[in-house]
Amino acid sequence: MTGNLHQFCEQFVAVLKNGRNSSKNTILAYENDLAGFIDFCDQVDVTDIHKITVKTVKRYLVHLNSLGLDRSSIARKMTTLRVLFDFLVDLDEIDYNFVKDIKNPKFQRKLPDIVSEQEFEYTAELAGNSAENKYKDLFHKAILELLYGCSLRVSEVCSVKSGDIDLTRGSLRVTGKGSKTRVVPIGKKSVKVLADYREARNNLGPDPLFLINANGRRVNQQYVYRLVRRLLTNTTDIKKKSPHVLRHSSATHMLDHGADLLAIKEILGHENLSTTQIYTHVSIERLKGIYKKAHPKS
């Protein structure tokens, strides 16, 4: 193989798909980041990996900034480059990964948008009062309970199998990022919602996946995004209205009610505690807001 950047990126992605047990979303993110870097290198006429220098990568940083990307997105793209160049070192194509010496842009981590507990209750009520058909209402409420009641990612919600759910014990086996499996608890209220849906679902044809619509079709991520966006538009004024907002909200509300941070980490399936710690900042900001509104000394 020559030093062609495009070919090495293809080989790198192939290794991710076959040898590193990476999730589909992770692979897609790498592919998108690498495509952007390849396009930039084509523009500046540096398509041989042996000709890519510190100056090339710094120019790429300037280019990303000019596109108006936020700093966290730029930092993620830099992480992709570091992993790629580690791969090139492993292949003995380059001697040293100089990208590791290039610092990420400094950025203040944004606190995730969340809905209040009352807003979620309104959202769940709205999902169950469409008056279109009973099955659709139960179907939509089940989706919300998996997102909020079980704190799942949207990809995890769409891949839950009927055999993964034990409503008697109140537990759910989840396959998350990197095909890692964890068991999360299901609360009594969520058990009731999921049991009602399952009873109606059993009248449809057999399918290993838990969530199927009235026509027997499997739910996909796009459907969940549209559903959540429509419901939240009518119940909250937060800017971001995505399924992940309900997962964020679930974690924050657990912390507000005294849950241990390590327990929340396990429920969410985070690999590092630092990822979970963002919710401590969310709770502190919420407390500040409550204090300013209610305390006479604020």
Protein backbone atom coordinates (compact mmCIF):
# COMPACT_ATOMS: atom_id res chain seq x y z
CA MET A 1 0.00 0.00 0.00
CA THR A 2 1.23 3.50 -0.83
CA GLY A 3 0.94 6.40 1.56
CA ASN A 4 -2.54 7.29 0.31
CA LEU A 5 -4.57 8.76 3.18
CA HIS A 6 -7.89 7.59 1.80
CA GLN A 7 -6.77 3.96 1.63
CA PHE A 8 -5.40 3.96 5.17
CA CYS A 9 -8.64 5.49 6.46
CA GLU A 10 -10.60 2.71 4.76
CA GLN A 11 -8.31 0.11 6.32
CA PHE A 12 -8.69 1.76 9.73
CA VAL A 13 -12.52 1.70 9.51
CA ALA A 14 -12.40 -1.95 8.43
CA VAL A 15 -10.42 -2.77 11.58
CA LEU A 16 -13.01 -0.93 13.69
CA LYS A 17 -15.81 -2.93 12.11
CA ASN A 18 -14.12 -6.32 12.37
CA GLY A 19 -11.66 -6.25 15.21
CA ARG A 20 -12.49 -3.66 17.87
CA ASN A 21 -16.12 -4.45 18.64
CA SER A 22 -17.12 -0.82 18.05
CA SER A 23 -20.79 0.17 17.89
CA LYS A 24 -22.42 1.26 14.62
CA ASN A 25 -22.78 4.83 15.91
CA THR A 26 -19.10 4.97 16.88
CA ILE A 27 -18.03 3.70 13.46
CA LEU A 28 -20.31 6.19 11.71
CA ALA A 29 -18.83 9.05 13.77
CA TYR A 30 -15.30 7.96 12.86
CA GLU A 31 -16.24 7.70 9.18
CA ASN A 32 -17.74 11.20 9.16
CA ASP A 33 -14.73 12.71 10.94
CA LEU A 34 -12.27 10.98 8.64
CA ALA A 35 -14.22 12.04 5.54
CA GLY A 36 -13.91 15.65 6.65
CA PHE A 37 -10.17 15.32 7.18
CA ILE A 38 -9.70 13.63 3.80
CA ASP A 39 -11.63 16.42 2.06
CA PHE A 40 -9.46 19.04 3.74
CA CYS A 41 -6.23 17.24 2.80
CA ASP A 42 -7.47 16.98 -0.80
CA GLN A 43 -8.06 20.73 -0.81
CA VAL A 44 -4.54 21.53 0.40
CA ASP A 45 -3.07 18.82 -1.84
CA VAL A 46 -1.62 16.68 0.96
CA THR A 47 -2.93 13.18 0.32
CA ASP A 48 0.14 11.15 1.39
CA ILE A 49 0.20 10.31 5.10
CA HIS A 50 3.99 10.79 5.16
CA LYS A 51 3.54 14.42 4.09
CA ILE A 52 0.98 15.27 6.78
CA THR A 53 2.69 17.42 9.40
CA VAL A 54 1.89 19.34 12.56
CA LYS A 55 1.32 22.37 10.35
CA THR A 56 -1.22 20.43 8.27
CA VAL A 57 -3.23 19.44 11.33
CA LYS A 58 -3.11 22.96 12.80
CA ARG A 59 -4.41 24.34 9.49
CA TYR A 60 -7.16 21.76 9.75
CA LEU A 61 -8.05 23.10 13.20
CA VAL A 62 -8.31 26.62 11.78
CA HIS A 63 -10.51 25.25 8.99
CA LEU A 64 -12.85 23.54 11.48
CA ASN A 65 -13.13 26.73 13.47
CA SER A 66 -14.00 28.67 10.30
CA LEU A 67 -16.90 26.28 9.72
CA GLY A 68 -18.45 27.49 12.98
CA LEU A 69 -18.18 24.14 14.78
CA ASP A 70 -18.30 24.27 18.55
CA ARG A 71 -15.18 23.37 20.45
CA SER A 72 -16.47 20.04 21.70
CA SER A 73 -17.08 18.91 18.09
CA ILE A 74 -13.58 20.00 17.11
CA ALA A 75 -12.16 18.14 20.11
CA ARG A 76 -13.95 14.97 19.03
CA LYS A 77 -12.52 15.25 15.51
CA MET A 78 -9.05 15.65 16.99
CA THR A 79 -9.59 12.49 19.03
CA THR A 80 -10.43 10.67 15.80
CA LEU A 81 -7.16 11.85 14.26
CA ARG A 82 -5.17 10.71 17.30
CA VAL A 83 -6.68 7.23 17.06
CA LEU A 84 -6.00 7.13 13.31
CA PHE A 85 -2.36 8.10 13.77
CA ASP A 86 -1.96 5.55 16.56
CA PHE A 87 -3.15 3.03 14.00
CA LEU A 88 -0.51 4.26 11.53
CA VAL A 89 2.17 3.87 14.21
CA ASP A 90 1.01 0.29 14.82
CA LEU A 91 1.43 -0.36 11.08
CA ASP A 92 4.96 1.10 11.21
CA GLU A 93 3.95 3.64 8.58
CA ILE A 94 4.99 6.52 10.83
CA ASP A 95 7.39 6.60 13.77
CA TYR A 96 5.52 8.90 16.14
CA ASN A 97 1.97 10.16 16.64
CA PHE A 98 2.58 13.91 16.63
CA VAL A 99 -1.16 14.64 16.76
CA LYS A 100 -1.04 13.77 20.47
CA ASP A 101 1.13 16.85 21.00
CA ILE A 102 -1.47 19.19 19.50
CA LYS A 103 -3.79 20.47 22.22
CA ASN A 104 -7.55 20.48 21.91
CA PRO A 105 -9.25 23.87 21.89
CA LYS A 106 -10.31 24.82 25.38
CA PHE A 107 -14.05 24.73 25.90
CA GLN A 108 -16.59 24.94 28.67
CA ARG A 109 -18.74 21.86 28.71
CA LYS A 110 -22.36 22.67 28.04
CA LEU A 111 -24.87 21.47 30.59
CA PRO A 112 -27.47 19.20 28.99
CA ASP A 113 -31.05 20.40 28.62
CA ILE A 114 -33.52 18.59 30.85
CA VAL A 115 -37.24 18.58 31.50
CA SER A 116 -38.68 18.88 34.98
CA GLU A 117 -40.40 15.94 36.63
CA GLN A 118 -43.74 17.64 36.13
CA GLU A 119 -42.99 18.29 32.47
CA PHE A 120 -42.23 14.62 31.94
CA GLU A 121 -45.54 13.67 33.56
CA TYR A 122 -47.32 16.05 31.17
CA THR A 123 -45.39 14.49 28.27
CA ALA A 124 -46.36 10.95 29.29
CA GLU A 125 -50.01 11.99 29.64
CA LEU A 126 -49.93 13.56 26.20
CA ALA A 127 -48.45 10.38 24.72
CA GLY A 128 -51.36 8.38 26.13
CA ASN A 129 -54.19 10.68 25.11
CA SER A 130 -54.00 10.82 21.33
CA ALA A 131 -57.50 9.33 20.98
CA GLU A 132 -56.32 7.71 17.72
CA ASN A 133 -56.06 4.13 18.92
CA LYS A 134 -55.25 2.42 22.19
CA TYR A 135 -52.31 0.41 20.88
CA LYS A 136 -50.53 3.49 19.55
CA ASP A 137 -50.92 5.22 22.92
CA LEU A 138 -49.48 2.23 24.79
CA PHE A 139 -46.67 1.98 22.22
CA HIS A 140 -45.69 5.63 22.66
CA LYS A 141 -45.87 5.47 26.45
CA ALA A 142 -43.62 2.39 26.43
CA ILE A 143 -41.03 4.27 24.38
CA LEU A 144 -41.03 7.14 26.89
CA GLU A 145 -40.70 4.77 29.84
CA LEU A 146 -37.65 3.11 28.30
CA LEU A 147 -36.05 6.50 27.59
CA TYR A 148 -36.84 8.10 30.94
CA GLY A 149 -37.89 5.33 33.33
CA CYS A 150 -34.93 3.11 32.35
CA SER A 151 -32.54 5.91 31.24
CA LEU A 152 -31.76 4.24 27.91
CA ARG A 153 -30.09 5.66 24.81
CA VAL A 154 -32.35 5.84 21.75
CA SER A 155 -30.28 3.13 20.02
CA GLU A 156 -30.75 0.88 23.07
CA VAL A 157 -34.50 1.50 23.11
CA CYS A 158 -34.83 0.38 19.50
CA SER A 159 -32.84 -2.81 20.10
CA VAL A 160 -34.55 -4.04 23.31
CA LYS A 161 -35.75 -7.61 22.86
CA SER A 162 -38.82 -9.06 24.52
CA GLY A 163 -36.63 -11.63 26.26
CA ASP A 164 -34.50 -8.85 27.79
CA ILE A 165 -37.38 -7.63 29.96
CA ASP A 166 -38.27 -9.29 33.25
CA LEU A 167 -41.28 -7.42 34.58
CA THR A 168 -41.68 -9.84 37.50
CA ARG A 169 -38.26 -8.96 38.87
CA GLY A 170 -38.36 -5.41 37.52
CA SER A 171 -35.16 -5.62 35.49
CA LEU A 172 -34.01 -5.06 31.93
CA ARG A 173 -30.91 -6.41 30.19
CA VAL A 174 -29.44 -3.75 27.90
CA THR A 175 -26.81 -4.06 25.18
CA GLY A 176 -25.10 -0.68 25.01
CA LYS A 177 -22.07 0.92 23.41
CA GLY A 178 -19.36 -1.48 22.34
CA SER A 179 -21.85 -4.35 22.71
CA LYS A 180 -21.44 -4.17 26.49
CA THR A 181 -24.30 -5.64 28.50
CA ARG A 182 -25.73 -4.20 31.70
CA VAL A 183 -28.84 -4.78 33.80
CA VAL A 184 -30.97 -1.80 34.81
CA PRO A 185 -33.89 -1.71 37.25
CA ILE A 186 -37.45 -1.01 36.15
CA GLY A 187 -39.55 0.97 38.63
CA LYS A 188 -43.10 -0.01 39.59
CA LYS A 189 -44.70 2.74 37.51
CA SER A 190 -42.63 1.80 34.48
CA VAL A 191 -43.44 -1.90 34.98
CA LYS A 192 -47.17 -1.07 34.79
CA VAL A 193 -46.75 0.90 31.54
CA LEU A 194 -44.55 -1.76 29.92
CA ALA A 195 -46.87 -4.57 31.06
CA ASP A 196 -49.90 -2.84 29.52
CA TYR A 197 -48.02 -2.40 26.27
CA ARG A 198 -46.76 -6.00 26.25
CA GLU A 199 -50.27 -7.35 26.76
CA ALA A 200 -51.45 -5.45 23.67
CA ARG A 201 -48.28 -6.28 21.75
CA ASN A 202 -48.76 -10.03 22.26
CA ASN A 203 -51.75 -9.88 19.94
CA LEU A 204 -49.42 -9.06 17.05
CA GLY A 205 -47.16 -11.46 15.19
CA PRO A 206 -44.00 -12.86 16.82
CA ASP A 207 -40.91 -10.66 16.69
CA PRO A 208 -37.85 -10.81 18.95
CA LEU A 209 -37.80 -7.01 19.32
CA PHE A 210 -39.99 -5.53 22.03
CA LEU A 211 -41.12 -2.36 20.26
CA ILE A 212 -43.23 -2.90 17.15
CA ASN A 213 -46.01 -0.68 15.84
CA ALA A 214 -49.61 -1.65 15.17
CA ASN A 215 -48.63 -2.92 11.72
CA GLY A 216 -45.96 -5.22 13.17
CA ARG A 217 -43.07 -3.03 12.02
CA ARG A 218 -40.03 -2.43 14.18
CA VAL A 219 -39.46 1.01 15.62
CA ASN A 220 -36.39 2.95 14.40
CA GLN A 221 -34.44 5.87 15.81
CA GLN A 222 -35.96 8.39 13.39
CA TYR A 223 -39.46 7.50 14.59
CA VAL A 224 -38.44 7.96 18.24
CA TYR A 225 -36.83 11.33 17.48
CA ARG A 226 -39.97 12.58 15.72
CA LEU A 227 -42.22 11.33 18.52
CA VAL A 228 -40.20 12.93 21.31
CA ARG A 229 -39.78 16.20 19.44
CA ARG A 230 -43.53 16.44 18.85
CA LEU A 231 -44.43 15.66 22.45
CA LEU A 232 -41.83 17.93 24.06
CA THR A 233 -42.82 20.81 21.80
CA ASN A 234 -46.18 20.81 23.59
CA THR A 235 -44.86 20.41 27.14
CA THR A 236 -41.58 22.33 27.52
CA ASP A 237 -39.78 25.39 26.20
CA ILE A 238 -36.24 23.93 26.26
CA LYS A 239 -34.36 24.39 22.98
CA LYS A 240 -33.20 20.82 22.44
CA LYS A 241 -36.02 18.32 22.13
CA SER A 242 -34.43 14.93 21.56
CA PRO A 243 -34.73 11.46 23.14
CA HIS A 244 -31.41 12.03 24.91
CA VAL A 245 -33.04 14.88 26.85
CA LEU A 246 -35.19 12.30 28.63
CA ARG A 247 -32.12 10.21 29.51
CA HIS A 248 -30.38 13.35 30.83
CA SER A 249 -33.50 14.25 32.80
CA SER A 250 -33.77 10.78 34.30
CA ALA A 251 -30.18 10.87 35.55
CA THR A 252 -30.56 14.38 36.96
CA HIS A 253 -33.77 13.53 38.78
CA MET A 254 -32.20 10.42 40.30
CA LEU A 255 -29.35 12.56 41.60
CA ASP A 256 -31.80 15.17 42.92
CA HIS A 257 -33.49 12.44 44.95
CA GLY A 258 -30.26 11.24 46.52
CA ALA A 259 -29.06 8.46 44.21
CA ASP A 260 -25.40 7.49 44.42
CA LEU A 261 -23.34 8.74 41.48
CA LEU A 262 -21.71 5.33 40.98
CA ALA A 263 -25.14 3.69 40.82
CA ILE A 264 -26.24 6.21 38.18
CA LYS A 265 -23.06 5.47 36.23
CA GLU A 266 -23.96 1.76 36.14
CA ILE A 267 -27.57 2.42 35.14
CA LEU A 268 -26.51 4.72 32.31
CA GLY A 269 -23.75 2.39 31.13
CA HIS A 270 -21.04 5.04 31.23
CA GLU A 271 -17.51 3.74 30.95
CA ASN A 272 -15.99 6.61 32.94
CA LEU A 273 -17.33 8.31 36.06
CA SER A 274 -16.28 11.69 34.63
CA THR A 275 -19.05 11.34 32.03
CA THR A 276 -21.65 10.84 34.77
CA GLN A 277 -20.34 13.74 36.85
CA ILE A 278 -21.86 16.26 34.44
CA TYR A 279 -25.17 15.58 36.19
CA THR A 280 -23.81 16.89 39.50
CA HIS A 281 -23.29 20.24 37.78
CA VAL A 282 -26.82 20.12 36.37
CA SER A 283 -28.25 19.50 39.83
CA ILE A 284 -26.19 22.29 41.38
CA GLU A 285 -27.41 24.72 38.71
CA ARG A 286 -30.99 23.62 39.36
CA LEU A 287 -30.52 24.20 43.09
CA LYS A 288 -29.13 27.67 42.41
CA GLY A 289 -32.17 28.48 40.32
CA ILE A 290 -34.55 27.28 43.03
CA TYR A 291 -32.59 29.25 45.65
CA LYS A 292 -32.72 32.47 43.65
CA LYS A 293 -36.46 32.16 43.14
CA ALA A 294 -37.40 31.11 46.66
CA HIS A 295 -34.84 32.27 49.24
CA PRO A 296 -35.38 35.71 50.81
CA LYS A 297 -31.60 36.27 50.97
CA SER A 298 -30.97 35.44 47.30
